[in-house]
Amino acid sequence: MSNKLFVGGLAWATTDQSLEKAFAVHGEVTEARVVLDRDTGRSRGFGFVTFASSDSALAAKNAMDNAVIDGRNVRVDFATDRERGNTGIRR
């Protein structure tokens, strides 16, 4: 089981700090990151939260899926690693 959660449906105003604060009640958060658009610097509406233990991650997933953060209902699931090197860009 993974320690890393995917969080979708984030409000544009959600920051790394507010994301961490929302999830920290469920265990030790080692990283909370809102993914930003590389061109505009604005939130892309999703992020990732990594916990120190898989038990904390599971508890947070169960408690936070469909919870409200910054006025938006969020979707929470375990993150899956993307394959590196396959960007989908044809040359």
PDB file of N, CA and C in Angstrom:
ATOM      1  N   MET A   1       0.847  -1.181   0.000  1.00  0.00           N
ATOM      2  CA  MET A   1       0.000   0.000   0.000  1.00  0.00           C
ATOM      3  C   MET A   1       0.893   1.246   0.000  1.00  0.00           C
ATOM      4  N   SER A   2       0.456   2.236  -0.703  1.00  0.00           N
ATOM      5  CA  SER A   2       1.230   3.465  -0.871  1.00  0.00           C
ATOM      6  C   SER A   2       1.007   4.432   0.287  1.00  0.00           C
ATOM      7  N   ASN A   3       1.983   5.279   0.528  1.00  0.00           N
ATOM      8  CA  ASN A   3       1.864   6.359   1.510  1.00  0.00           C
ATOM      9  C   ASN A   3       1.424   7.654   0.838  1.00  0.00           C
ATOM     10  N   LYS A   4       1.324   7.637  -0.496  1.00  0.00           N
ATOM     11  CA  LYS A   4       1.053   8.855  -1.255  1.00  0.00           C
ATOM     12  C   LYS A   4      -0.382   8.857  -1.776  1.00  0.00           C
ATOM     13  N   LEU A   5      -1.079   9.983  -1.534  1.00  0.00           N
ATOM     14  CA  LEU A   5      -2.458  10.126  -1.966  1.00  0.00           C
ATOM     15  C   LEU A   5      -2.573  11.161  -3.070  1.00  0.00           C
ATOM     16  N   PHE A   6      -3.450  10.896  -4.022  1.00  0.00           N
ATOM     17  CA  PHE A   6      -3.850  11.865  -5.046  1.00  0.00           C
ATOM     18  C   PHE A   6      -5.071  12.596  -4.510  1.00  0.00           C
ATOM     19  N   VAL A   7      -5.089  13.919  -4.634  1.00  0.00           N
ATOM     20  CA  VAL A   7      -6.234  14.717  -4.194  1.00  0.00           C
ATOM     21  C   VAL A   7      -6.704  15.543  -5.386  1.00  0.00           C
ATOM     22  N   GLY A   8      -7.908  15.261  -5.890  1.00  0.00           N
ATOM     23  CA  GLY A   8      -8.449  15.965  -7.050  1.00  0.00           C
ATOM     24  C   GLY A   8      -9.607  16.863  -6.664  1.00  0.00           C
ATOM     25  N   GLY A   9      -9.883  17.832  -7.523  1.00  0.00           N
ATOM     26  CA  GLY A   9     -10.991  18.746  -7.297  1.00  0.00           C
ATOM     27  C   GLY A   9     -10.668  19.890  -6.359  1.00  0.00           C
ATOM     28  N   LEU A  10      -9.377  20.227  -6.240  1.00  0.00           N
ATOM     29  CA  LEU A  10      -8.969  21.298  -5.332  1.00  0.00           C
ATOM     30  C   LEU A  10      -9.436  22.658  -5.827  1.00  0.00           C
ATOM     31  N   ALA A  11      -9.741  23.522  -4.882  1.00  0.00           N
ATOM     32  CA  ALA A  11     -10.069  24.914  -5.204  1.00  0.00           C
ATOM     33  C   ALA A  11      -8.812  25.611  -5.708  1.00  0.00           C
ATOM     34  N   TRP A  12      -8.982  26.628  -6.540  1.00  0.00           N
ATOM     35  CA  TRP A  12      -7.835  27.371  -7.067  1.00  0.00           C
ATOM     36  C   TRP A  12      -7.036  28.007  -5.927  1.00  0.00           C
ATOM     37  N   ALA A  13      -7.704  28.322  -4.822  1.00  0.00           N
ATOM     38  CA  ALA A  13      -7.058  29.017  -3.698  1.00  0.00           C
ATOM     39  C   ALA A  13      -6.272  28.071  -2.782  1.00  0.00           C
ATOM     40  N   THR A  14      -6.413  26.767  -2.948  1.00  0.00           N
ATOM     41  CA  THR A  14      -5.720  25.818  -2.074  1.00  0.00           C
ATOM     42  C   THR A  14      -4.214  25.897  -2.312  1.00  0.00           C
ATOM     43  N   THR A  15      -3.459  25.973  -1.211  1.00  0.00           N
ATOM     44  CA  THR A  15      -1.997  26.038  -1.269  1.00  0.00           C
ATOM     45  C   THR A  15      -1.403  24.761  -0.684  1.00  0.00           C
ATOM     46  N   ASP A  16      -0.092  24.602  -0.838  1.00  0.00           N
ATOM     47  CA  ASP A  16       0.591  23.462  -0.220  1.00  0.00           C
ATOM     48  C   ASP A  16       0.313  23.440   1.280  1.00  0.00           C
ATOM     49  N   GLN A  17       0.352  24.621   1.900  1.00  0.00           N
ATOM     50  CA  GLN A  17       0.173  24.717   3.344  1.00  0.00           C
ATOM     51  C   GLN A  17      -1.249  24.350   3.776  1.00  0.00           C
ATOM     52  N   SER A  18      -2.258  24.847   3.064  1.00  0.00           N
ATOM     53  CA  SER A  18      -3.634  24.527   3.453  1.00  0.00           C
ATOM     54  C   SER A  18      -3.962  23.056   3.176  1.00  0.00           C
ATOM     55  N   LEU A  19      -3.363  22.494   2.138  1.00  0.00           N
ATOM     56  CA  LEU A  19      -3.545  21.069   1.845  1.00  0.00           C
ATOM     57  C   LEU A  19      -2.941  20.228   2.971  1.00  0.00           C
ATOM     58  N   GLU A  20      -1.735  20.583   3.380  1.00  0.00           N
ATOM     59  CA  GLU A  20      -1.083  19.859   4.484  1.00  0.00           C
ATOM     60  C   GLU A  20      -1.896  19.969   5.767  1.00  0.00           C
ATOM     61  N   LYS A  21      -2.375  21.158   6.069  1.00  0.00           N
ATOM     62  CA  LYS A  21      -3.151  21.370   7.295  1.00  0.00           C
ATOM     63  C   LYS A  21      -4.420  20.513   7.307  1.00  0.00           C
ATOM     64  N   ALA A  22      -5.089  20.405   6.164  1.00  0.00           N
ATOM     65  CA  ALA A  22      -6.319  19.629   6.069  1.00  0.00           C
ATOM     66  C   ALA A  22      -6.075  18.138   6.324  1.00  0.00           C
ATOM     67  N   PHE A  23      -4.910  17.635   5.910  1.00  0.00           N
ATOM     68  CA  PHE A  23      -4.631  16.205   6.027  1.00  0.00           C
ATOM     69  C   PHE A  23      -3.843  15.835   7.274  1.00  0.00           C
ATOM     70  N   ALA A  24      -3.168  16.786   7.904  1.00  0.00           N
ATOM     71  CA  ALA A  24      -2.276  16.501   9.032  1.00  0.00           C
ATOM     72  C   ALA A  24      -3.006  15.935  10.252  1.00  0.00           C
ATOM     73  N   VAL A  25      -4.297  16.150  10.352  1.00  0.00           N
ATOM     74  CA  VAL A  25      -5.050  15.596  11.493  1.00  0.00           C
ATOM     75  C   VAL A  25      -5.110  14.072  11.444  1.00  0.00           C
ATOM     76  N   HIS A  26      -4.725  13.478  10.308  1.00  0.00           N
ATOM     77  CA  HIS A  26      -4.796  12.024  10.142  1.00  0.00           C
ATOM     78  C   HIS A  26      -3.446  11.342  10.285  1.00  0.00           C
ATOM     79  N   GLY A  27      -2.383  12.109  10.504  1.00  0.00           N
ATOM     80  CA  GLY A  27      -1.057  11.519  10.672  1.00  0.00           C
ATOM     81  C   GLY A  27       0.019  12.463  10.196  1.00  0.00           C
ATOM     82  N   GLU A  28       1.267  12.006  10.308  1.00  0.00           N
ATOM     83  CA  GLU A  28       2.413  12.833   9.938  1.00  0.00           C
ATOM     84  C   GLU A  28       2.520  12.959   8.414  1.00  0.00           C
ATOM     85  N   VAL A  29       2.367  14.181   7.927  1.00  0.00           N
ATOM     86  CA  VAL A  29       2.490  14.467   6.500  1.00  0.00           C
ATOM     87  C   VAL A  29       3.950  14.810   6.210  1.00  0.00           C
ATOM     88  N   THR A  30       4.565  14.085   5.270  1.00  0.00           N
ATOM     89  CA  THR A  30       5.952  14.372   4.912  1.00  0.00           C
ATOM     90  C   THR A  30       6.042  15.336   3.739  1.00  0.00           C
ATOM     91  N   GLU A  31       4.981  15.394   2.923  1.00  0.00           N
ATOM     92  CA  GLU A  31       4.943  16.345   1.805  1.00  0.00           C
ATOM     93  C   GLU A  31       3.501  16.567   1.384  1.00  0.00           C
ATOM     94  N   ALA A  32       3.178  17.819   1.085  1.00  0.00           N
ATOM     95  CA  ALA A  32       1.878  18.165   0.511  1.00  0.00           C
ATOM     96  C   ALA A  32       2.165  19.135  -0.624  1.00  0.00           C
ATOM     97  N   ARG A  33       1.717  18.792  -1.831  1.00  0.00           N
ATOM     98  CA  ARG A  33       2.065  19.585  -3.002  1.00  0.00           C
ATOM     99  C   ARG A  33       0.850  19.772  -3.897  1.00  0.00           C
ATOM    100  N   VAL A  34       0.517  21.036  -4.162  1.00  0.00           N
ATOM    101  CA  VAL A  34      -0.498  21.372  -5.159  1.00  0.00           C
ATOM    102  C   VAL A  34       0.242  21.494  -6.488  1.00  0.00           C
ATOM    103  N   VAL A  35      -0.226  20.805  -7.517  1.00  0.00           N
ATOM    104  CA  VAL A  35       0.435  20.834  -8.818  1.00  0.00           C
ATOM    105  C   VAL A  35       0.053  22.131  -9.530  1.00  0.00           C
ATOM    106  N   LEU A  36       1.084  22.841  -9.996  1.00  0.00           N
ATOM    107  CA  LEU A  36       0.888  24.130 -10.651  1.00  0.00           C
ATOM    108  C   LEU A  36       1.138  24.011 -12.149  1.00  0.00           C
ATOM    109  N   ASP A  37       0.420  24.817 -12.921  1.00  0.00           N
ATOM    110  CA  ASP A  37       0.650  24.899 -14.361  1.00  0.00           C
ATOM    111  C   ASP A  37       2.012  25.543 -14.587  1.00  0.00           C
ATOM    112  N   ARG A  38       2.809  24.943 -15.416  1.00  0.00           N
ATOM    113  CA  ARG A  38       4.173  25.418 -15.604  1.00  0.00           C
ATOM    114  C   ARG A  38       4.219  26.774 -16.312  1.00  0.00           C
ATOM    115  N   ASP A  39       3.228  27.091 -17.136  1.00  0.00           N
ATOM    116  CA  ASP A  39       3.230  28.369 -17.860  1.00  0.00           C
ATOM    117  C   ASP A  39       2.626  29.511 -17.049  1.00  0.00           C
ATOM    118  N   THR A  40       1.530  29.239 -16.352  1.00  0.00           N
ATOM    119  CA  THR A  40       0.821  30.318 -15.653  1.00  0.00           C
ATOM    120  C   THR A  40       1.125  30.378 -14.156  1.00  0.00           C
ATOM    121  N   GLY A  41       1.608  29.274 -13.583  1.00  0.00           N
ATOM    122  CA  GLY A  41       1.867  29.231 -12.155  1.00  0.00           C
ATOM    123  C   GLY A  41       0.608  29.044 -11.321  1.00  0.00           C
ATOM    124  N   ARG A  42      -0.538  28.855 -11.968  1.00  0.00           N
ATOM    125  CA  ARG A  42      -1.805  28.632 -11.259  1.00  0.00           C
ATOM    126  C   ARG A  42      -2.004  27.151 -10.982  1.00  0.00           C
ATOM    127  N   SER A  43      -2.820  26.883  -9.973  1.00  0.00           N
ATOM    128  CA  SER A  43      -3.130  25.503  -9.613  1.00  0.00           C
ATOM    129  C   SER A  43      -3.793  24.791 -10.787  1.00  0.00           C
ATOM    130  N   ARG A  44      -3.479  23.505 -10.933  1.00  0.00           N
ATOM    131  CA  ARG A  44      -4.135  22.683 -11.940  1.00  0.00           C
ATOM    132  C   ARG A  44      -5.330  21.944 -11.345  1.00  0.00           C
ATOM    133  N   GLY A  45      -5.619  22.202 -10.053  1.00  0.00           N
ATOM    134  CA  GLY A  45      -6.807  21.623  -9.430  1.00  0.00           C
ATOM    135  C   GLY A  45      -6.607  20.260  -8.792  1.00  0.00           C
ATOM    136  N   PHE A  46      -5.353  19.826  -8.680  1.00  0.00           N
ATOM    137  CA  PHE A  46      -5.085  18.570  -8.000  1.00  0.00           C
ATOM    138  C   PHE A  46      -3.730  18.640  -7.321  1.00  0.00           C
ATOM    139  N   GLY A  47      -3.488  17.676  -6.451  1.00  0.00           N
ATOM    140  CA  GLY A  47      -2.223  17.644  -5.732  1.00  0.00           C
ATOM    141  C   GLY A  47      -1.979  16.288  -5.125  1.00  0.00           C
ATOM    142  N   PHE A  48      -0.917  16.213  -4.336  1.00  0.00           N
ATOM    143  CA  PHE A  48      -0.509  14.962  -3.715  1.00  0.00           C
ATOM    144  C   PHE A  48      -0.144  15.207  -2.260  1.00  0.00           C
ATOM    145  N   VAL A  49      -0.486  14.245  -1.402  1.00  0.00           N
ATOM    146  CA  VAL A  49      -0.126  14.298   0.012  1.00  0.00           C
ATOM    147  C   VAL A  49       0.561  12.983   0.344  1.00  0.00           C
ATOM    148  N   THR A  50       1.767  13.077   0.914  1.00  0.00           N
ATOM    149  CA  THR A  50       2.525  11.890   1.292  1.00  0.00           C
ATOM    150  C   THR A  50       2.598  11.814   2.811  1.00  0.00           C
ATOM    151  N   PHE A  51       2.301  10.633   3.343  1.00  0.00           N
ATOM    152  CA  PHE A  51       2.323  10.402   4.784  1.00  0.00           C
ATOM    153  C   PHE A  51       3.542   9.577   5.170  1.00  0.00           C
ATOM    154  N   ALA A  52       3.934   9.674   6.437  1.00  0.00           N
ATOM    155  CA  ALA A  52       5.059   8.898   6.956  1.00  0.00           C
ATOM    156  C   ALA A  52       4.717   7.408   7.027  1.00  0.00           C
ATOM    157  N   SER A  53       3.421   7.072   7.175  1.00  0.00           N
ATOM    158  CA  SER A  53       3.040   5.656   7.268  1.00  0.00           C
ATOM    159  C   SER A  53       1.848   5.356   6.359  1.00  0.00           C
ATOM    160  N   SER A  54       1.775   4.121   5.916  1.00  0.00           N
ATOM    161  CA  SER A  54       0.661   3.706   5.062  1.00  0.00           C
ATOM    162  C   SER A  54      -0.644   3.656   5.852  1.00  0.00           C
ATOM    163  N   ASP A  55      -0.576   3.390   7.169  1.00  0.00           N
ATOM    164  CA  ASP A  55      -1.782   3.390   7.999  1.00  0.00           C
ATOM    165  C   ASP A  55      -2.411   4.781   8.046  1.00  0.00           C
ATOM    166  N   SER A  56      -1.562   5.815   8.184  1.00  0.00           N
ATOM    167  CA  SER A  56      -2.062   7.190   8.194  1.00  0.00           C
ATOM    168  C   SER A  56      -2.656   7.552   6.843  1.00  0.00           C
ATOM    169  N   ALA A  57      -2.003   7.111   5.772  1.00  0.00           N
ATOM    170  CA  ALA A  57      -2.510   7.389   4.421  1.00  0.00           C
ATOM    171  C   ALA A  57      -3.886   6.758   4.220  1.00  0.00           C
ATOM    172  N   LEU A  58      -4.051   5.523   4.671  1.00  0.00           N
ATOM    173  CA  LEU A  58      -5.337   4.838   4.544  1.00  0.00           C
ATOM    174  C   LEU A  58      -6.416   5.559   5.354  1.00  0.00           C
ATOM    175  N   ALA A  59      -6.080   5.945   6.571  1.00  0.00           N
ATOM    176  CA  ALA A  59      -7.048   6.664   7.416  1.00  0.00           C
ATOM    177  C   ALA A  59      -7.443   7.990   6.759  1.00  0.00           C
ATOM    178  N   ALA A  60      -6.471   8.701   6.215  1.00  0.00           N
ATOM    179  CA  ALA A  60      -6.749   9.984   5.563  1.00  0.00           C
ATOM    180  C   ALA A  60      -7.590   9.791   4.309  1.00  0.00           C
ATOM    181  N   LYS A  61      -7.286   8.758   3.519  1.00  0.00           N
ATOM    182  CA  LYS A  61      -8.064   8.495   2.307  1.00  0.00           C
ATOM    183  C   LYS A  61      -9.525   8.253   2.661  1.00  0.00           C
ATOM    184  N   ASN A  62      -9.745   7.410   3.657  1.00  0.00           N
ATOM    185  CA  ASN A  62     -11.117   7.079   4.049  1.00  0.00           C
ATOM    186  C   ASN A  62     -11.859   8.284   4.610  1.00  0.00           C
ATOM    187  N   ALA A  63     -11.164   9.115   5.378  1.00  0.00           N
ATOM    188  CA  ALA A  63     -11.809  10.261   6.016  1.00  0.00           C
ATOM    189  C   ALA A  63     -11.991  11.450   5.074  1.00  0.00           C
ATOM    190  N   MET A  64     -11.069  11.622   4.135  1.00  0.00           N
ATOM    191  CA  MET A  64     -11.048  12.850   3.339  1.00  0.00           C
ATOM    192  C   MET A  64     -11.684  12.722   1.957  1.00  0.00           C
ATOM    193  N   ASP A  65     -11.942  11.505   1.485  1.00  0.00           N
ATOM    194  CA  ASP A  65     -12.590  11.365   0.185  1.00  0.00           C
ATOM    195  C   ASP A  65     -13.985  11.988   0.261  1.00  0.00           C
ATOM    196  N   ASN A  66     -14.250  12.949  -0.600  1.00  0.00           N
ATOM    197  CA  ASN A  66     -15.501  13.706  -0.673  1.00  0.00           C
ATOM    198  C   ASN A  66     -15.650  14.733   0.461  1.00  0.00           C
ATOM    199  N   ALA A  67     -14.559  14.994   1.184  1.00  0.00           N
ATOM    200  CA  ALA A  67     -14.568  16.044   2.215  1.00  0.00           C
ATOM    201  C   ALA A  67     -14.453  17.407   1.529  1.00  0.00           C
ATOM    202  N   VAL A  68     -14.738  18.455   2.272  1.00  0.00           N
ATOM    203  CA  VAL A  68     -14.658  19.818   1.744  1.00  0.00           C
ATOM    204  C   VAL A  68     -13.360  20.467   2.204  1.00  0.00           C
ATOM    205  N   ILE A  69     -12.571  20.937   1.237  1.00  0.00           N
ATOM    206  CA  ILE A  69     -11.365  21.721   1.504  1.00  0.00           C
ATOM    207  C   ILE A  69     -11.497  23.020   0.729  1.00  0.00           C
ATOM    208  N   ASP A  70     -11.384  24.139   1.424  1.00  0.00           N
ATOM    209  CA  ASP A  70     -11.502  25.463   0.793  1.00  0.00           C
ATOM    210  C   ASP A  70     -12.763  25.582  -0.054  1.00  0.00           C
ATOM    211  N   GLY A  71     -13.872  25.011   0.445  1.00  0.00           N
ATOM    212  CA  GLY A  71     -15.159  25.161  -0.221  1.00  0.00           C
ATOM    213  C   GLY A  71     -15.444  24.189  -1.353  1.00  0.00           C
ATOM    214  N   ARG A  72     -14.551  23.254  -1.609  1.00  0.00           N
ATOM    215  CA  ARG A  72     -14.752  22.280  -2.695  1.00  0.00           C
ATOM    216  C   ARG A  72     -14.703  20.860  -2.158  1.00  0.00           C
ATOM    217  N   ASN A  73     -15.580  20.002  -2.673  1.00  0.00           N
ATOM    218  CA  ASN A  73     -15.505  18.575  -2.363  1.00  0.00           C
ATOM    219  C   ASN A  73     -14.352  17.978  -3.152  1.00  0.00           C
ATOM    220  N   VAL A  74     -13.472  17.265  -2.470  1.00  0.00           N
ATOM    221  CA  VAL A  74     -12.293  16.700  -3.125  1.00  0.00           C
ATOM    222  C   VAL A  74     -12.426  15.188  -3.249  1.00  0.00           C
ATOM    223  N   ARG A  75     -11.729  14.647  -4.230  1.00  0.00           N
ATOM    224  CA  ARG A  75     -11.634  13.202  -4.427  1.00  0.00           C
ATOM    225  C   ARG A  75     -10.248  12.765  -3.962  1.00  0.00           C
ATOM    226  N   VAL A  76     -10.199  11.706  -3.186  1.00  0.00           N
ATOM    227  CA  VAL A  76      -8.919  11.224  -2.658  1.00  0.00           C
ATOM    228  C   VAL A  76      -8.776   9.757  -2.987  1.00  0.00           C
ATOM    229  N   ASP A  77      -7.611   9.402  -3.525  1.00  0.00           N
ATOM    230  CA  ASP A  77      -7.314   8.005  -3.814  1.00  0.00           C
ATOM    231  C   ASP A  77      -5.811   7.810  -3.681  1.00  0.00           C
ATOM    232  N   PHE A  78      -5.382   6.569  -3.671  1.00  0.00           N
ATOM    233  CA  PHE A  78      -3.948   6.308  -3.639  1.00  0.00           C
ATOM    234  C   PHE A  78      -3.338   6.721  -4.974  1.00  0.00           C
ATOM    235  N   ALA A  79      -2.185   7.365  -4.911  1.00  0.00           N
ATOM    236  CA  ALA A  79      -1.498   7.820  -6.121  1.00  0.00           C
ATOM    237  C   ALA A  79      -0.860   6.623  -6.808  1.00  0.00           C
ATOM    238  N   THR A  80      -0.829   6.681  -8.127  1.00  0.00           N
ATOM    239  CA  THR A  80      -0.131   5.660  -8.905  1.00  0.00           C
ATOM    240  C   THR A  80       1.020   6.338  -9.626  1.00  0.00           C
ATOM    241  N   ASP A  81       2.148   5.663  -9.676  1.00  0.00           N
ATOM    242  CA  ASP A  81       3.324   6.228 -10.339  1.00  0.00           C
ATOM    243  C   ASP A  81       3.171   6.139 -11.844  1.00  0.00           C
ATOM    244  N   ARG A  82       3.494   7.265 -12.505  1.00  0.00           N
ATOM    245  CA  ARG A  82       3.516   7.270 -13.965  1.00  0.00           C
ATOM    246  C   ARG A  82       4.823   6.685 -14.442  1.00  0.00           C
ATOM    247  N   GLU A  83       4.768   6.084 -15.612  1.00  0.00           N
ATOM    248  CA  GLU A  83       6.005   5.588 -16.205  1.00  0.00           C
ATOM    249  C   GLU A  83       6.804   6.772 -16.701  1.00  0.00           C
ATOM    250  N   ARG A  84       8.067   6.806 -16.349  1.00  0.00           N
ATOM    251  CA  ARG A  84       8.956   7.880 -16.814  1.00  0.00           C
ATOM    252  C   ARG A  84       9.351   7.624 -18.262  1.00  0.00           C
ATOM    253  N   GLY A  85       9.528   8.706 -19.014  1.00  0.00           N
ATOM    254  CA  GLY A  85      10.006   8.584 -20.381  1.00  0.00           C
ATOM    255  C   GLY A  85       8.901   8.545 -21.423  1.00  0.00           C
ATOM    256  N   ASN A  86       7.697   8.143 -21.058  1.00  0.00           N
ATOM    257  CA  ASN A  86       6.596   8.091 -22.000  1.00  0.00           C
ATOM    258  C   ASN A  86       5.734   9.337 -21.801  1.00  0.00           C
ATOM    259  N   THR A  87       6.075  10.411 -22.508  1.00  0.00           N
ATOM    260  CA  THR A  87       5.378  11.676 -22.328  1.00  0.00           C
ATOM    261  C   THR A  87       4.171  11.796 -23.230  1.00  0.00           C
ATOM    262  N   GLY A  88       4.032  10.882 -24.184  1.00  0.00           N
ATOM    263  CA  GLY A  88       2.900  10.975 -25.107  1.00  0.00           C
ATOM    264  C   GLY A  88       3.139  11.951 -26.244  1.00  0.00           C
ATOM    265  N   ILE A  89       4.348  12.503 -26.308  1.00  0.00           N
ATOM    266  CA  ILE A  89       4.663  13.472 -27.369  1.00  0.00           C
ATOM    267  C   ILE A  89       5.324  12.729 -28.525  1.00  0.00           C
ATOM    268  N   ARG A  90       4.767  12.919 -29.703  1.00  0.00           N
ATOM    269  CA  ARG A  90       5.360  12.293 -30.884  1.00  0.00           C
ATOM    270  C   ARG A  90       6.414  13.210 -31.462  1.00  0.00           C
ATOM    271  N   ARG A  91       7.464  12.612 -31.945  1.00  0.00           N
ATOM    272  CA  ARG A  91       8.558  13.408 -32.539  1.00  0.00           C
ATOM    273  C   ARG A  91       8.683  13.084 -33.998  1.00  0.00           C
TER     274      ARG A  91
END
